[in-house]
């Protein structure tokens, strides 16, 4: 519906008051859609928290959220033309899933952007 500004207020409250991954994911999506400068900072905070968790203590939801965060971080980095950092994240996604269509398409997109520079 494109009502990111209105939705953002509710998502920000929910994300700050609930550890639920669903709220966190939607909050991050909203930040990115609004091109909010906090996007990378919020993503980075969650990545730091998840990387501190031992692998054997991570749930499937934690692993899925980690991959979500990496995808969203890569998206932001590409928008900022920080291609090397984005490529690093995309290659990680491919190491987890060699058929990851997001990573494959974004790597192709980066190559196209580099050619046009």
Protein backbone atom coordinates (compact mmCIF):
# COMPACT_ATOMS: atom_id res chain seq x y z
CA UNK A 1 0.00 0.00 0.00
CA UNK A 2 3.03 2.28 0.24
CA UNK A 3 2.13 3.54 3.74
CA UNK A 4 5.65 3.07 5.04
CA UNK A 5 5.63 6.29 7.08
CA UNK A 6 2.55 5.25 9.06
CA UNK A 7 3.58 1.63 9.35
CA UNK A 8 7.06 2.65 10.45
CA UNK A 9 5.77 4.23 13.68
CA UNK A 10 4.04 1.01 14.73
CA UNK A 11 6.87 -1.24 13.60
CA UNK A 12 9.46 0.86 15.40
CA UNK A 13 7.50 0.54 18.65
CA UNK A 14 6.95 -3.19 18.14
CA UNK A 15 10.55 -3.87 17.16
CA UNK A 16 11.89 -1.96 20.15
CA UNK A 17 9.57 -3.72 22.59
CA UNK A 18 9.56 -7.27 21.27
CA UNK A 19 12.35 -9.66 20.36
CA UNK A 20 10.07 -11.33 17.80
CA UNK A 21 11.96 -11.83 14.57
CA UNK A 22 8.88 -11.02 12.50
CA UNK A 23 8.67 -7.49 13.90
CA UNK A 24 12.40 -7.01 13.54
CA UNK A 25 12.33 -8.15 9.90
CA UNK A 26 9.44 -5.89 8.96
CA UNK A 27 11.02 -2.96 10.79
CA UNK A 28 14.23 -3.45 8.80
CA UNK A 29 12.28 -3.76 5.55
CA UNK A 30 10.48 -0.52 6.37
CA UNK A 31 13.72 1.30 7.20
CA UNK A 32 15.16 0.22 3.87
CA UNK A 33 12.03 1.18 1.95
CA UNK A 34 12.20 4.64 3.52
CA UNK A 35 15.94 4.81 2.74
CA UNK A 36 16.52 5.52 6.41
CA UNK A 37 20.16 6.03 7.35
CA UNK A 38 19.68 3.75 10.37
CA UNK A 39 19.16 0.69 8.16
CA UNK A 40 22.75 -0.55 8.21
CA UNK A 41 23.15 0.28 11.89
CA UNK A 42 20.06 -1.71 12.89
CA UNK A 43 21.10 -4.62 10.67
CA UNK A 44 24.62 -4.47 12.10
CA UNK A 45 23.34 -4.60 15.66
CA UNK A 46 21.32 -7.74 14.95
CA UNK A 47 24.20 -9.34 13.05
CA UNK A 48 26.54 -8.67 15.96
CA UNK A 49 24.10 -10.22 18.40
CA UNK A 50 23.58 -13.32 16.24
CA UNK A 51 27.26 -13.85 15.52
CA UNK A 52 27.96 -13.84 19.27
CA UNK A 53 25.54 -16.74 19.70
CA UNK A 54 27.22 -20.12 19.45
CA UNK A 55 26.20 -22.16 16.41
CA UNK A 56 24.86 -25.03 18.50
CA UNK A 57 22.63 -22.55 20.40
CA UNK A 58 21.09 -21.01 17.25
CA UNK A 59 17.58 -22.02 16.31
CA UNK A 60 16.32 -22.43 12.75
CA UNK A 61 14.65 -19.04 13.15
CA UNK A 62 17.99 -17.53 14.16
CA UNK A 63 19.67 -19.00 11.07
CA UNK A 64 16.88 -17.78 8.79
CA UNK A 65 17.04 -14.31 10.38
CA UNK A 66 20.81 -14.24 9.91
CA UNK A 67 20.44 -14.95 6.19
CA UNK A 68 17.71 -12.31 5.97
CA UNK A 69 20.01 -9.76 7.63
CA UNK A 70 22.85 -10.57 5.25
CA UNK A 71 20.55 -10.19 2.23
CA UNK A 72 19.24 -6.85 3.45
CA UNK A 73 22.75 -5.65 4.31
CA UNK A 74 23.95 -6.56 0.83
CA UNK A 75 21.02 -4.68 -0.68
CA UNK A 76 21.93 -1.54 1.28
CA UNK A 77 25.60 -1.84 0.40
CA UNK A 78 24.79 -2.12 -3.30
CA UNK A 79 22.64 1.01 -3.06
CA UNK A 80 25.63 2.77 -1.46
CA UNK A 81 27.93 1.38 -4.20
CA UNK A 82 29.98 -0.48 -1.60
CA UNK A 83 30.35 -3.37 -4.01
CA UNK A 84 33.28 -5.19 -2.39
CA UNK A 85 31.48 -5.52 0.94
CA UNK A 86 28.28 -6.55 -0.83
CA UNK A 87 30.11 -9.19 -2.86
CA UNK A 88 31.58 -10.62 0.33
CA UNK A 89 28.11 -11.05 1.82
CA UNK A 90 26.67 -12.44 -1.40
CA UNK A 91 29.47 -14.98 -1.62
CA UNK A 92 28.67 -16.05 1.94
CA UNK A 93 25.05 -16.58 0.93
CA UNK A 94 26.24 -18.73 -1.98
CA UNK A 95 28.45 -20.76 0.36
CA UNK A 96 25.34 -21.59 2.39
CA UNK A 97 23.16 -22.19 -0.67
CA UNK A 98 24.89 -22.36 -4.08
CA UNK A 99 21.51 -21.86 -5.79
CA UNK A 100 20.56 -18.70 -3.88
CA UNK A 101 18.82 -16.68 -6.59
CA UNK A 102 19.07 -13.42 -4.70
CA UNK A 103 22.86 -13.71 -4.45
CA UNK A 104 23.25 -14.80 -8.07
CA UNK A 105 21.08 -11.97 -9.39
CA UNK A 106 22.71 -9.34 -7.20
CA UNK A 107 26.21 -10.41 -8.26
CA UNK A 108 25.11 -10.08 -11.90
CA UNK A 109 23.61 -6.68 -11.11
CA UNK A 110 26.87 -5.52 -9.50
CA UNK A 111 28.81 -6.60 -12.59
CA UNK A 112 26.39 -4.62 -14.76
CA UNK A 113 26.76 -1.55 -12.53
CA UNK A 114 30.54 -1.80 -12.64
CA UNK A 115 30.50 -1.95 -16.44
CA UNK A 116 28.41 1.21 -16.60
CA UNK A 117 30.65 3.23 -14.29
